[in-house]
Amino acid sequence: MPNYRRASIPGGTWFFTLVSCQRRKILCNHDIRSAFREAIRTVQTQQPFSVDAWILLPDHLHCIWTLPDGDRDFSIRWAKIKRLVTQRCGASYPPEGPVRASKRRRNEGMLWQRRFWEHAIRDDADLQRCLDYLHWNPVKHGYVDQVADWPYSTFHRFVKDGLYPRDWAGVANRDNDVKTFGE
């Protein structure tokens, strides 16, 4: 088994990407969204962390977390969250198509890809780039024409807090070309 190396930054801020198994478009379903909220709250009571930003798309999600000072273990938090969501919703979402032998051998659930991607936020400019990327994602993937039209995002909280204007990033045309980005 590969030995994955992850950065170790106690109290760091991180950008994450998680993907559904087989890229199934299930993550915005009500039961999974509800299980997510519950799983995050449960894990936060056991091992605190703050969710700084979030975007949930049908087949993947992006989020930014900050860990408490001296704490560097985001992997165990994700493992617990994914396990809790799978325990609550996994039976409702059987695999579509063949299941890899390694998933069967390990008796893994079929909601998530095994790994996730993380990026350590280096400074305020990096944080802003990650926030912009995260919030722009539903337009990039063609789900909506305006960032404000996507309901499963912290963008609405950022607008309420005055960090983004409601019309931030303009509108994409039907070919998904950006007319005005960041104006």
Protein backbone atom coordinates (compact mmCIF):
# COMPACT_ATOMS: atom_id res chain seq x y z
CA MET A 1 0.00 0.00 0.00
CA PRO A 2 1.38 3.44 -0.87
CA ASN A 3 2.58 5.64 1.93
CA TYR A 4 0.88 8.97 1.25
CA ARG A 5 2.74 11.95 2.61
CA ARG A 6 0.74 14.93 3.72
CA ALA A 7 1.95 18.27 4.98
CA SER A 8 1.94 18.66 8.73
CA ILE A 9 1.06 22.20 9.78
CA PRO A 10 -0.44 22.44 13.26
CA GLY A 11 -3.30 24.93 13.34
CA GLY A 12 -3.16 25.32 9.56
CA THR A 13 -5.82 26.37 7.11
CA TRP A 14 -6.53 23.88 4.33
CA PHE A 15 -8.34 23.70 1.00
CA PHE A 16 -9.88 20.26 0.31
CA THR A 17 -11.51 18.50 -2.61
CA LEU A 18 -13.51 15.29 -2.14
CA VAL A 19 -15.19 13.35 -4.94
CA SER A 20 -18.08 10.90 -4.94
CA CYS A 21 -17.38 7.31 -5.90
CA GLN A 22 -17.68 6.84 -9.65
CA ARG A 23 -18.36 10.61 -9.81
CA ARG A 24 -22.04 9.92 -9.19
CA LYS A 25 -24.14 13.07 -8.96
CA ILE A 26 -25.58 12.39 -5.51
CA LEU A 27 -23.94 14.82 -3.09
CA CYS A 28 -26.62 17.53 -3.39
CA ASN A 29 -29.41 15.08 -2.55
CA HIS A 30 -31.29 16.08 0.59
CA ASP A 31 -30.42 12.96 2.61
CA ILE A 32 -26.70 13.28 1.90
CA ARG A 33 -26.67 17.04 2.63
CA SER A 34 -28.43 16.37 5.91
CA ALA A 35 -26.04 13.54 6.81
CA PHE A 36 -23.10 15.84 6.00
CA ARG A 37 -24.31 18.57 8.34
CA GLU A 38 -24.85 16.06 11.11
CA ALA A 39 -21.50 14.32 10.54
CA ILE A 40 -19.59 17.61 10.57
CA ARG A 41 -21.26 18.72 13.80
CA THR A 42 -20.55 15.34 15.40
CA VAL A 43 -16.89 15.36 14.43
CA GLN A 44 -16.49 19.02 15.45
CA THR A 45 -17.63 18.13 18.97
CA GLN A 46 -15.00 15.38 19.15
CA GLN A 47 -12.19 17.17 17.32
CA PRO A 48 -12.89 20.88 16.78
CA PHE A 49 -12.20 22.68 13.50
CA SER A 50 -13.81 25.59 11.71
CA VAL A 51 -15.40 25.38 8.28
CA ASP A 52 -14.33 28.64 6.68
CA ALA A 53 -15.91 28.08 3.25
CA TRP A 54 -17.81 25.34 1.45
CA ILE A 55 -19.27 24.44 -1.92
CA LEU A 56 -21.22 21.26 -2.49
CA LEU A 57 -21.64 20.14 -6.10
CA PRO A 58 -23.41 17.01 -7.37
CA ASP A 59 -20.25 14.89 -7.69
CA HIS A 60 -17.62 16.69 -5.60
CA LEU A 61 -17.09 19.30 -2.94
CA HIS A 62 -14.51 21.90 -2.03
CA CYS A 63 -14.04 23.37 1.39
CA ILE A 64 -11.63 25.34 3.52
CA TRP A 65 -11.00 24.40 7.13
CA THR A 66 -8.87 25.84 9.91
CA LEU A 67 -7.62 23.48 12.60
CA PRO A 68 -7.03 24.50 16.22
CA ASP A 69 -3.55 25.61 17.31
CA GLY A 70 -1.26 22.63 17.69
CA ASP A 71 -3.61 20.26 15.81
CA ARG A 72 -2.64 18.86 12.42
CA ASP A 73 -4.92 15.84 11.94
CA PHE A 74 -7.43 16.68 9.23
CA SER A 75 -7.27 13.14 7.78
CA ILE A 76 -8.96 11.50 10.76
CA ARG A 77 -11.68 14.14 10.67
CA TRP A 78 -12.40 13.42 7.01
CA ALA A 79 -12.35 9.67 7.65
CA LYS A 80 -14.94 10.07 10.40
CA ILE A 81 -17.15 12.40 8.36
CA LYS A 82 -17.08 10.13 5.32
CA ARG A 83 -17.79 7.07 7.49
CA LEU A 84 -20.76 8.74 9.24
CA VAL A 85 -22.30 9.87 5.94
CA THR A 86 -21.79 6.40 4.45
CA GLN A 87 -23.32 4.70 7.49
CA ARG A 88 -26.39 6.90 7.26
CA CYS A 89 -26.86 6.98 3.46
CA GLY A 90 -24.73 4.26 1.88
CA ALA A 91 -27.48 1.65 1.60
CA SER A 92 -29.60 4.08 -0.44
CA TYR A 93 -26.86 4.46 -3.06
CA PRO A 94 -25.65 1.07 -4.30
CA PRO A 95 -22.82 1.13 -6.83
CA GLU A 96 -23.56 1.80 -10.47
CA GLY A 97 -21.49 -0.54 -12.56
CA PRO A 98 -18.53 -2.67 -11.54
CA VAL A 99 -16.88 -2.22 -8.14
CA ARG A 100 -13.11 -2.37 -7.94
CA ALA A 101 -11.80 -5.46 -6.21
CA SER A 102 -9.75 -3.35 -3.78
CA LYS A 103 -12.94 -1.60 -2.57
CA ARG A 104 -14.65 -4.95 -2.06
CA ARG A 105 -11.62 -6.40 -0.25
CA ARG A 106 -11.53 -3.48 2.16
CA ASN A 107 -15.32 -3.51 2.58
CA GLU A 108 -15.40 0.19 1.69
CA GLY A 109 -18.59 2.13 1.21
CA MET A 110 -19.62 3.26 -2.25
CA LEU A 111 -20.28 6.96 -1.65
CA TRP A 112 -16.72 8.31 -1.82
CA GLN A 113 -13.53 8.01 -3.74
CA ARG A 114 -10.93 6.62 -1.36
CA ARG A 115 -8.63 9.63 -1.16
CA PHE A 116 -9.05 13.38 -1.09
CA TRP A 117 -6.90 16.27 -2.22
CA GLU A 118 -5.59 18.90 0.17
CA HIS A 119 -3.67 22.13 -0.20
CA ALA A 120 -2.14 24.09 2.68
CA ILE A 121 -3.15 27.74 2.51
CA ARG A 122 0.10 29.73 2.52
CA ASP A 123 -1.01 33.34 2.95
CA ASP A 124 -3.94 35.75 2.55
CA ALA A 125 -3.54 35.96 -1.23
CA ASP A 126 -3.60 32.14 -1.50
CA LEU A 127 -6.69 32.04 0.72
CA GLN A 128 -8.47 34.56 -1.51
CA ARG A 129 -7.59 32.57 -4.66
CA CYS A 130 -8.97 29.40 -3.05
CA LEU A 131 -12.14 31.19 -1.91
CA ASP A 132 -12.70 32.60 -5.39
CA TYR A 133 -12.09 29.20 -7.02
CA LEU A 134 -14.40 27.46 -4.56
CA HIS A 135 -17.27 29.93 -5.00
CA TRP A 136 -16.88 30.12 -8.82
CA ASN A 137 -17.04 26.32 -9.19
CA PRO A 138 -20.79 25.89 -9.93
CA VAL A 139 -20.49 28.41 -12.78
CA LYS A 140 -17.31 26.74 -14.05
CA HIS A 141 -19.13 23.40 -14.24
CA GLY A 142 -22.21 24.92 -15.91
CA TYR A 143 -24.71 24.33 -13.10
CA VAL A 144 -25.67 28.02 -12.90
CA ASP A 145 -24.97 31.26 -14.77
CA GLN A 146 -24.24 33.30 -11.64
CA VAL A 147 -22.43 32.34 -8.45
CA ALA A 148 -25.33 33.69 -6.37
CA ASP A 149 -27.73 31.20 -7.98
CA TRP A 150 -26.06 28.11 -6.46
CA PRO A 151 -27.74 27.24 -3.14
CA TYR A 152 -25.14 24.87 -1.64
CA SER A 153 -22.40 27.36 -0.95
CA THR A 154 -21.02 29.65 1.72
CA PHE A 155 -21.06 32.40 -0.91
CA HIS A 156 -24.37 33.61 0.52
CA ARG A 157 -22.81 33.95 4.00
CA PHE A 158 -19.86 35.84 2.49
CA VAL A 159 -22.28 38.25 0.76
CA LYS A 160 -24.21 38.77 4.02
CA ASP A 161 -20.91 39.49 5.81
CA GLY A 162 -19.91 42.00 3.12
CA LEU A 163 -16.95 39.97 1.80
CA TYR A 164 -18.35 39.60 -1.72
CA PRO A 165 -20.93 41.66 -3.60
CA ARG A 166 -24.03 39.67 -4.56
CA ASP A 167 -23.19 40.05 -8.26
CA TRP A 168 -19.55 38.99 -7.80
CA ALA A 169 -17.99 37.28 -10.82
CA GLY A 170 -20.65 38.42 -13.25
CA VAL A 171 -22.50 36.02 -15.48
CA ALA A 172 -21.34 33.17 -17.70
CA ASN A 173 -22.83 32.85 -21.15
CA ARG A 174 -24.30 29.58 -22.45
CA ASP A 175 -20.88 28.43 -23.69
CA ASN A 176 -19.59 28.85 -20.12
CA ASP A 177 -17.26 31.68 -21.17
CA VAL A 178 -16.85 34.32 -18.53
CA LYS A 179 -18.27 37.72 -19.43
CA THR A 180 -16.99 39.48 -16.31
CA PHE A 181 -14.96 37.75 -13.65
CA GLY A 182 -14.12 39.47 -10.38
CA GLU A 183 -15.56 42.85 -11.39
